Protein backbone atom coordinates (compact mmCIF):
# COMPACT_ATOMS: atom_id res chain seq x y z
CA MET A 1 0.01 -0.11 -0.02
CA SER A 2 1.53 3.45 -0.85
CA ASN A 3 1.85 6.18 1.58
CA LEU A 4 -0.03 9.10 -0.01
CA ILE A 5 -0.34 12.68 1.39
CA ILE A 6 -2.08 15.38 -0.35
CA ILE A 7 -1.57 19.12 0.49
CA ARG A 8 -4.64 20.92 -0.84
CA GLY A 9 -5.15 24.48 -1.69
CA GLY A 10 -2.08 26.18 -0.59
CA ARG A 11 -0.20 29.20 -2.04
CA VAL A 12 2.89 27.30 -3.51
CA ILE A 13 5.66 29.69 -3.73
CA ASN A 14 8.62 27.75 -5.52
CA PRO A 15 11.29 30.18 -6.66
CA SER A 16 13.50 27.74 -8.48
CA GLN A 17 10.62 26.94 -10.80
CA ASN A 18 9.29 30.53 -10.93
CA MET A 19 5.98 29.40 -9.36
CA ASP A 20 3.66 31.38 -7.18
CA GLN A 21 0.12 29.74 -7.52
CA ILE A 22 -2.70 28.01 -5.69
CA CYS A 23 -1.87 24.30 -6.08
CA ASP A 24 -2.57 20.88 -4.73
CA ILE A 25 0.66 18.70 -4.11
CA THR A 26 0.44 14.92 -4.08
CA ILE A 27 3.32 13.07 -2.30
CA GLU A 28 3.61 9.25 -2.60
CA ASN A 29 6.27 7.12 -0.93
CA GLY A 30 8.34 10.08 -0.05
CA LEU A 31 8.21 11.66 -3.63
CA ILE A 32 6.38 14.53 -5.16
CA ILE A 33 4.32 12.93 -7.83
CA ALA A 34 1.94 15.75 -8.90
CA ILE A 35 1.55 19.58 -8.64
CA GLU A 36 -1.82 20.44 -9.81
CA PRO A 37 -2.71 24.04 -10.16
CA ARG A 38 -5.96 25.68 -9.38
CA GLY A 39 -6.90 28.61 -11.59
CA ASP A 40 -4.60 31.05 -13.16
CA PRO A 41 -0.95 31.28 -11.92
CA THR A 42 0.38 34.36 -10.16
CA VAL A 43 3.69 33.83 -11.70
CA GLY A 44 4.89 30.94 -14.01
CA THR A 45 3.38 27.70 -14.70
CA PRO A 46 3.88 24.77 -12.40
CA THR A 47 4.64 21.18 -13.79
CA ALA A 48 2.10 18.68 -13.05
CA GLY A 49 2.93 15.03 -12.81
CA ARG A 50 0.64 12.07 -12.31
CA LEU A 51 -2.65 14.17 -11.53
CA ILE A 52 -4.56 13.61 -8.32
CA ARG A 53 -7.49 11.31 -8.84
CA PRO A 54 -10.71 13.00 -8.19
CA GLY A 55 -11.80 12.14 -4.63
CA ALA A 56 -8.49 10.29 -4.17
CA LEU A 57 -8.07 8.88 -0.56
CA ALA A 58 -4.83 9.79 1.14
CA GLN A 59 -3.51 8.59 4.50
CA ARG A 60 -3.12 12.29 5.23
CA GLU A 61 -4.78 15.31 3.80
CA ILE A 62 -3.50 18.64 4.60
CA ASP A 63 -5.80 21.74 4.15
CA ALA A 64 -3.39 24.62 3.34
CA THR A 65 -6.00 27.09 2.38
CA GLY A 66 -4.61 30.59 3.25
CA LEU A 67 -1.34 29.04 3.90
CA ILE A 68 2.19 29.43 2.26
CA VAL A 69 3.56 26.17 0.86
CA THR A 70 7.42 26.30 0.10
CA PRO A 71 10.22 24.13 -0.39
CA GLY A 72 11.71 22.96 2.83
CA LEU A 73 13.59 25.87 4.28
CA ILE A 74 17.59 25.54 4.30
CA ASP A 75 19.77 27.00 7.06
CA LEU A 76 23.34 27.46 6.09
CA HIS A 77 24.56 28.18 9.37
CA THR A 78 23.65 26.15 12.56
CA HIS A 79 25.63 25.18 15.50
CA LEU A 80 24.54 21.88 16.88
CA ARG A 81 27.31 21.72 19.61
CA GLU A 82 27.53 17.97 19.46
CA PRO A 83 30.06 16.28 20.21
CA GLY A 84 31.61 17.92 23.07
CA PHE A 85 29.01 20.71 24.29
CA GLU A 86 25.86 18.78 24.70
CA TYR A 87 24.94 20.96 27.72
CA LYS A 88 24.26 23.58 25.16
CA GLU A 89 22.73 21.71 22.31
CA THR A 90 22.51 18.22 21.04
CA VAL A 91 21.84 17.05 17.40
CA GLU A 92 18.43 15.77 18.79
CA THR A 93 17.36 19.17 20.25
CA GLY A 94 18.96 21.06 17.40
CA VAL A 95 16.85 19.32 14.70
CA SER A 96 13.83 19.59 16.86
CA ALA A 97 14.45 23.50 16.95
CA ALA A 98 14.95 23.31 13.25
CA ILE A 99 11.67 21.71 12.58
CA ALA A 100 9.81 24.12 14.90
CA GLY A 101 11.40 26.72 12.86
CA GLY A 102 10.30 25.30 9.47
CA PHE A 103 13.66 24.13 8.40
CA THR A 104 14.12 20.71 6.84
CA THR A 105 17.76 21.09 6.00
CA ILE A 106 20.56 22.68 8.27
CA CYS A 107 24.26 22.95 7.77
CA CYS A 108 25.98 22.32 10.94
CA MET A 109 29.33 24.04 11.70
CA PRO A 110 32.55 22.49 12.77
CA ASN A 111 33.34 24.05 16.04
CA THR A 112 32.49 21.12 18.13
CA ASN A 113 34.90 19.19 20.49
CA PRO A 114 36.51 17.29 18.84
CA VAL A 115 36.48 19.57 15.82
CA ASN A 116 34.81 18.22 12.82
CA ASP A 117 38.20 18.22 10.92
CA ASN A 118 38.23 14.49 9.97
CA ALA A 119 35.88 11.85 8.52
CA SER A 120 35.16 10.20 11.84
CA ILE A 121 33.62 13.14 13.40
CA THR A 122 31.49 13.77 10.21
CA GLU A 123 30.33 10.25 10.21
CA LEU A 124 29.47 10.62 14.10
CA ILE A 125 27.19 13.65 13.32
CA LEU A 126 25.59 11.90 10.32
CA GLU A 127 24.92 8.89 12.33
CA ARG A 128 23.27 11.07 15.22
CA ALA A 129 21.14 12.86 12.63
CA ARG A 130 19.83 9.56 11.31
CA LYS A 131 19.00 8.55 14.85
CA ALA A 132 17.21 11.79 15.39
CA GLY A 133 15.19 11.20 12.23
CA LYS A 134 13.82 14.74 11.78
CA ALA A 135 15.56 17.45 9.78
CA ASN A 136 18.43 16.68 7.14
CA ILE A 137 21.72 17.60 8.49
CA LEU A 138 24.58 18.57 6.10
CA PRO A 139 27.98 18.76 8.02
CA VAL A 140 30.45 21.40 7.37
CA GLY A 141 34.01 20.43 7.82
CA ALA A 142 36.89 22.68 9.31
CA ILE A 143 39.29 24.57 6.88
CA THR A 144 42.11 24.06 9.21
CA ARG A 145 42.97 21.24 11.85
CA GLY A 146 41.49 22.10 15.23
CA LEU A 147 40.25 25.42 13.84
CA LYS A 148 43.83 26.83 14.60
CA GLY A 149 44.29 28.41 11.36
CA GLU A 150 47.76 26.73 10.92
CA GLU A 151 47.34 23.61 8.84
CA LEU A 152 44.69 22.61 6.27
CA SER A 153 42.30 19.86 6.94
CA GLU A 154 42.09 16.83 4.81
CA ILE A 155 39.27 18.47 2.66
CA GLY A 156 38.90 15.60 0.30
CA GLU A 157 38.36 13.23 3.19
CA LEU A 158 35.82 15.35 4.81
CA VAL A 159 33.93 15.90 1.44
CA ALA A 160 33.94 12.07 0.73
CA ALA A 161 32.63 11.55 4.32
CA GLY A 162 29.60 13.80 3.63
CA CYS A 163 30.74 17.44 4.17
CA VAL A 164 29.23 20.02 1.87
CA ALA A 165 31.43 23.01 2.43
CA ILE A 166 34.41 23.88 4.68
CA SER A 167 34.68 26.75 7.29
CA ASP A 168 36.50 27.57 10.54
CA ASP A 169 33.33 29.44 11.75
CA GLY A 170 33.68 31.01 15.13
CA MET A 171 37.43 31.63 14.12
CA PRO A 172 38.66 33.65 11.18
CA VAL A 173 41.44 32.12 8.97
CA MET A 174 43.97 34.98 9.74
CA ASN A 175 46.66 33.62 7.56
CA SER A 176 46.06 34.74 4.00
CA LEU A 177 48.24 32.01 2.57
CA ILE A 178 46.18 29.31 4.34
CA MET A 179 43.08 31.00 2.98
CA ARG A 180 44.23 30.97 -0.53
CA ARG A 181 45.15 27.26 -0.30
CA ALA A 182 41.71 26.44 1.09
CA LEU A 183 39.98 28.14 -1.79
CA GLU A 184 42.23 26.31 -4.26
CA TYR A 185 41.68 22.78 -2.75
CA ALA A 186 37.98 23.46 -2.18
CA LYS A 187 37.73 24.28 -5.91
CA ILE A 188 39.04 20.76 -6.67
CA PHE A 189 36.29 19.21 -4.71
CA ASP A 190 33.56 21.74 -5.76
CA VAL A 191 32.60 22.89 -2.22
CA PRO A 192 32.33 26.47 -0.97
CA VAL A 193 34.68 27.95 1.53
CA ILE A 194 32.40 29.58 4.27
CA ASP A 195 34.41 32.30 6.03
CA HIS A 196 33.87 34.13 9.22
CA CYS A 197 35.31 37.54 8.44
CA GLU A 198 36.90 39.06 11.46
CA ASP A 199 40.26 40.65 12.09
CA LEU A 200 41.14 39.47 15.35
CA ASN A 201 43.67 42.28 15.94
CA LEU A 202 41.14 44.81 15.47
CA THR A 203 38.55 43.07 17.60
CA ASP A 204 41.24 43.08 20.43
CA GLY A 205 38.79 41.99 23.17
CA GLY A 206 35.78 44.04 22.22
CA VAL A 207 32.33 42.84 23.23
CA MET A 208 29.96 44.88 21.06
CA PHE A 209 29.95 47.29 18.20
CA GLU A 210 32.16 50.40 18.53
CA GLY A 211 30.08 53.43 18.56
CA ALA A 212 27.98 55.79 20.76
CA VAL A 213 26.25 52.83 22.63
CA SER A 214 29.44 51.15 23.54
CA MET A 215 30.82 54.53 24.73
CA ALA A 216 27.61 55.17 26.92
CA LEU A 217 27.96 51.64 28.42
CA GLY A 218 31.61 51.63 29.04
CA LEU A 219 32.16 48.56 27.07
CA LYS A 220 35.08 47.85 24.88
CA GLY A 221 33.86 48.00 21.18
CA ILE A 222 34.64 46.08 17.96
CA PRO A 223 34.95 48.44 14.92
CA SER A 224 33.13 47.70 11.78
CA ALA A 225 36.35 47.56 10.02
CA SER A 226 37.08 44.20 11.99
CA GLU A 227 34.69 42.63 9.52
CA SER A 228 35.04 44.56 6.33
CA VAL A 229 38.84 44.43 6.26
CA MET A 230 38.58 40.69 6.21
CA VAL A 231 35.84 40.70 3.59
CA ALA A 232 37.99 42.84 1.30
CA ARG A 233 40.98 40.24 1.71
CA ASP A 234 38.71 37.37 1.08
CA LEU A 235 37.33 39.03 -2.20
CA ALA A 236 40.83 39.49 -3.32
CA LEU A 237 41.68 35.88 -2.73
CA ALA A 238 38.42 34.62 -4.43
CA SER A 239 39.43 36.83 -7.44
CA LEU A 240 42.93 35.30 -7.37
CA THR A 241 41.87 31.61 -7.09
CA GLY A 242 38.45 31.51 -8.66
CA GLY A 243 37.44 29.39 -5.79
CA ARG A 244 33.64 29.49 -4.30
CA LEU A 245 33.57 31.85 -1.53
CA HIS A 246 30.67 32.29 0.73
CA LEU A 247 30.75 34.99 3.41
CA ALA A 248 28.94 34.26 6.66
CA HIS A 249 26.64 36.71 8.74
CA ILE A 250 27.39 39.87 6.97
CA SER A 251 26.48 42.84 9.24
CA THR A 252 27.93 46.02 8.08
CA ALA A 253 27.29 48.63 5.41
CA ALA A 254 30.98 48.53 4.38
CA SER A 255 30.81 44.76 3.75
CA VAL A 256 27.74 45.04 1.58
CA HIS A 257 29.48 47.79 -0.64
CA LEU A 258 32.43 45.65 -1.07
CA ILE A 259 30.50 42.52 -1.91
CA ARG A 260 28.29 44.52 -4.50
CA GLU A 261 31.20 45.94 -6.22
CA ALA A 262 32.95 42.59 -6.44
CA LYS A 263 29.99 40.93 -7.79
CA SER A 264 29.70 43.69 -10.40
CA ARG A 265 33.31 42.47 -11.55
CA GLY A 266 32.19 39.00 -11.69
CA VAL A 267 33.99 37.57 -8.54
CA LEU A 268 32.49 34.13 -7.58
CA ILE A 269 31.14 35.30 -4.23
CA THR A 270 28.04 34.49 -2.28
CA ALA A 271 26.80 35.99 1.19
CA GLU A 272 24.48 35.62 3.90
CA THR A 273 23.13 37.82 6.75
CA CYS A 274 20.89 36.87 9.66
CA PRO A 275 17.43 38.01 10.99
CA HIS A 276 19.15 39.84 13.95
CA TYR A 277 21.14 42.05 11.55
CA PHE A 278 18.14 43.38 9.78
CA THR A 279 15.97 43.64 12.97
CA LEU A 280 18.22 44.83 15.88
CA THR A 281 20.80 47.45 16.39
CA ASP A 282 23.58 48.02 19.10
CA GLU A 283 20.96 49.67 21.17
CA ALA A 284 19.60 46.15 22.11
CA VAL A 285 22.72 45.68 24.20
CA ALA A 286 21.54 48.50 26.61
CA GLY A 287 21.08 47.31 30.04
CA TYR A 288 24.18 45.03 29.41
CA ASN A 289 21.86 42.54 27.76
CA THR A 290 24.26 39.45 27.19
CA ASN A 291 21.52 37.89 24.92
CA ALA A 292 22.27 40.67 22.50
CA LYS A 293 25.85 39.84 22.55
CA MET A 294 27.00 38.30 19.12
CA LYS A 295 29.74 38.23 16.69
CA PRO A 296 29.80 40.08 14.58
CA PRO A 297 28.13 42.30 16.86
CA LEU A 298 24.76 44.17 16.48
CA PRO A 299 25.59 47.39 14.24
CA GLU A 300 24.18 50.77 14.13
CA ARG A 301 20.98 51.65 12.14
CA SER A 302 22.77 52.75 9.08
CA ASP A 303 24.37 49.31 8.70
CA LEU A 304 20.90 47.60 9.37
CA MET A 305 19.43 49.75 6.64
CA GLU A 306 22.26 48.67 4.21
CA ILE A 307 21.87 45.05 5.10
CA ARG A 308 18.07 45.47 4.01
CA ALA A 309 19.23 47.03 0.88
CA GLY A 310 21.68 44.25 0.09
CA LEU A 311 18.93 41.76 0.54
CA ALA A 312 16.67 43.75 -1.82
CA ASP A 313 19.18 44.06 -4.65
CA GLY A 314 20.67 40.55 -4.41
CA THR A 315 23.86 41.45 -3.03
CA ILE A 316 23.18 39.22 -0.08
CA ASP A 317 22.18 35.66 -1.59
CA ALA A 318 20.73 34.04 1.56
CA ILE A 319 19.34 34.50 5.15
CA ALA A 320 20.79 32.16 7.73
CA THR A 321 20.30 31.91 11.41
CA ASP A 322 23.69 31.44 12.78
CA HIS A 323 21.99 29.49 15.52
CA ALA A 324 24.40 29.49 18.47
CA PRO A 325 23.03 27.92 21.65
CA HIS A 326 24.56 28.61 25.12
CA ALA A 327 23.70 27.49 28.55
CA HIS A 328 21.74 29.95 30.81
CA TRP A 329 24.57 30.18 33.29
CA GLU A 330 26.94 31.18 30.54
CA LYS A 331 24.79 34.01 29.46
CA GLU A 332 24.15 35.13 32.93
CA GLN A 333 27.87 36.22 33.37
CA GLU A 334 29.13 39.78 33.20
CA MET A 335 29.20 41.27 29.56
CA ASP A 336 32.99 40.75 29.30
CA ARG A 337 32.55 36.94 30.18
CA ALA A 338 29.48 35.90 28.64
CA PRO A 339 29.93 34.12 25.34
CA PHE A 340 28.89 35.57 21.89
CA GLY A 341 25.86 34.13 20.17
CA ILE A 342 22.18 33.61 20.12
CA ILE A 343 19.60 30.91 19.08
CA GLY A 344 17.80 31.64 15.93
CA LEU A 345 16.11 28.73 14.25
CA GLU A 346 12.79 29.14 15.91
CA THR A 347 12.24 32.91 15.21
CA ALA A 348 13.73 33.17 11.87
CA ILE A 349 10.45 32.89 9.85
CA PRO A 350 8.45 35.73 11.70
CA LEU A 351 11.41 38.17 11.93
CA SER A 352 12.07 37.65 8.13
CA LEU A 353 8.30 38.05 7.25
CA LYS A 354 8.79 41.45 8.65
CA LEU A 355 10.90 42.32 5.56
CA VAL A 356 7.79 41.69 3.40
CA SER A 357 5.39 43.86 5.50
CA ASP A 358 8.09 46.59 5.47
CA GLY A 359 8.50 46.35 1.66
CA VAL A 360 11.86 45.32 1.49
CA LEU A 361 11.29 42.01 -0.29
CA SER A 362 8.26 40.46 -1.93
CA LEU A 363 7.06 37.23 -0.44
CA PRO A 364 8.60 35.09 -3.16
CA ALA A 365 11.87 36.94 -2.92
CA LEU A 366 11.93 36.23 0.70
CA ILE A 367 11.34 32.56 0.25
CA GLN A 368 14.19 32.60 -2.42
CA LYS A 369 16.68 33.46 0.36
CA PHE A 370 15.83 30.49 2.34
CA THR A 371 15.40 27.96 -0.41
CA GLN A 372 16.90 28.52 -3.95
CA GLY A 373 19.61 30.82 -2.71
CA PRO A 374 21.21 28.35 -0.23
CA ALA A 375 20.81 25.55 -2.69
CA GLN A 376 22.66 27.23 -5.26
CA ILE A 377 25.34 28.20 -2.79
CA LEU A 378 25.78 24.41 -1.86
CA GLY A 379 25.31 23.35 -5.43
CA ARG A 380 22.78 20.87 -4.40
CA PRO A 381 19.48 19.72 -5.91
CA ILE A 382 17.40 20.76 -2.80
CA GLY A 383 15.30 23.77 -1.96
CA ARG A 384 12.67 23.09 -4.62
CA ILE A 385 9.28 21.50 -5.13
CA ARG A 386 9.52 19.57 -8.40
CA VAL A 387 7.81 16.21 -9.63
CA GLY A 388 10.11 13.35 -8.95
CA ASP A 389 11.97 14.99 -6.17
CA SER A 390 12.06 13.98 -2.39
CA ALA A 391 9.43 15.82 -0.75
CA ASP A 392 10.82 18.29 1.58
CA ILE A 393 8.20 20.97 2.18
CA THR A 394 7.39 23.73 4.69
CA ILE A 395 3.86 25.10 5.30
CA ILE A 396 3.78 28.42 6.74
CA ASP A 397 0.86 30.23 8.48
CA PRO A 398 1.78 33.90 7.67
CA HIS A 399 -1.08 35.07 9.88
CA LEU A 400 -0.57 33.21 13.13
CA GLU A 401 0.22 35.60 16.04
CA TRP A 402 2.32 34.46 18.99
CA THR A 403 4.61 35.50 21.73
CA VAL A 404 8.26 34.16 22.07
CA LYS A 405 8.48 32.18 25.38
CA GLY A 406 11.78 30.77 26.51
CA GLU A 407 10.10 27.62 27.99
CA SER A 408 8.60 26.88 24.57
CA PHE A 409 11.67 26.70 22.66
CA LYS A 410 12.60 23.24 21.29
CA SER A 411 16.34 24.24 21.45
CA LYS A 412 17.96 23.04 24.67
CA SER A 413 19.32 26.57 25.27
CA LYS A 414 17.26 29.75 25.52
CA ASN A 415 19.57 32.54 24.76
CA SER A 416 17.30 34.69 22.59
CA PRO A 417 17.03 38.60 22.61
CA PHE A 418 13.46 38.19 21.08
CA ILE A 419 11.89 36.49 24.26
CA GLY A 420 8.71 38.41 25.10
CA TRP A 421 8.28 39.77 21.60
CA LYS A 422 5.00 39.32 19.72
CA MET A 423 5.62 37.64 16.44
CA LYS A 424 3.42 37.11 13.32
CA GLY A 425 3.93 33.98 11.07
CA ARG A 426 5.17 30.45 11.97
CA ALA A 427 5.62 27.07 10.43
CA ALA A 428 2.48 25.05 10.63
CA THR A 429 3.49 21.69 9.06
CA VAL A 430 6.91 20.41 8.00
CA ILE A 431 7.46 17.52 5.80
CA VAL A 432 10.92 16.05 5.55
CA SER A 433 11.49 13.15 2.71
CA GLY A 434 7.55 12.73 2.34
CA ARG A 435 7.11 12.34 6.14
CA VAL A 436 5.06 14.92 8.28
CA VAL A 437 7.47 15.41 11.16
CA GLU A 438 5.76 15.49 14.35
CA ASN A 439 7.77 17.47 16.87
CA LYS A 440 6.46 16.80 20.34
């Protein structure tokens, strides 16, 4: 007996197929077998496969009337903390947070303990992901052994084991020659290099953005040049090598300007930003709020506006979460001692939908930043709804109003600056490999 799921009457926004239309979607045994339009398309024409039989009986029917049906959302930038820091997050709790946030696929960063710089750690993460049985996990291997920036990891071994990119995220690759070699080797294996752009010499112990707010609070600041100096270096190296460079968590106007100019010259470069960088400014740190302490730090309003402009004109290709869990007792320390980072998987959808209501992006353009954009960066056939593909689908209720509560997070950690905020929009149903994931 086949396993049949029918999603009826949702607004299907499928950027890779130029589709924005009310459709019924049929899933059988994990695969999309039909996309059946209702009425005239808003944009494009969907491809119908084997049509749904009138009155067909399904094991599960989902009424998506008034809801948005999208390809499964992809997060390019998640920290799962396992192995080594399971008190912050585990693969199990991390994928539960991902599903709650509407993500069917997440890329997990290598700054674990041991570092994911060899095949055995990659295989361990993938085994834990299979055991969890929820979201798809795509491991990102380390650029350098131990994230020390001194010696390249065995990139070919990591890719063969299942890594889809390399990164020393959490640590910049300060040595330009090492970064050049990373881009050259990654080019051989056709994976992107994801770089955390930070000049540690300029950061110099800073805890927040260097500006009027840091001065008023008496806190050591991090200048915006700490990011943009390394962005400029990386762009030069990408131009030199022809390697696939992806810049993580872009936060400043200067970086956006540099990336925009490099793209105009044809440099093979992509970039992401995060919801907190187009939602919050350094003023969120007022009151010494450690849940607003992150790296790169929350910038000034002029930077926030340029991040939004970069999303609108395509300079920034994707929205990622940089989900970075920390235990409550770590964040309850003094500002100088508390770790950088916030969780983001479960609040990304409503924060990003605000870009639509603010007129920054159309709804299809926003969905593209979570689906087709990340898929193209990774070079993988995901982030789309197409007949014959595995059914990874996110159904979003854009009208649902809710309040962020720490105790409601699926993540093991609760370090969010958005606790208490009233949100609009949330994932209603998530389907992974043709299976509706129950996330209790």
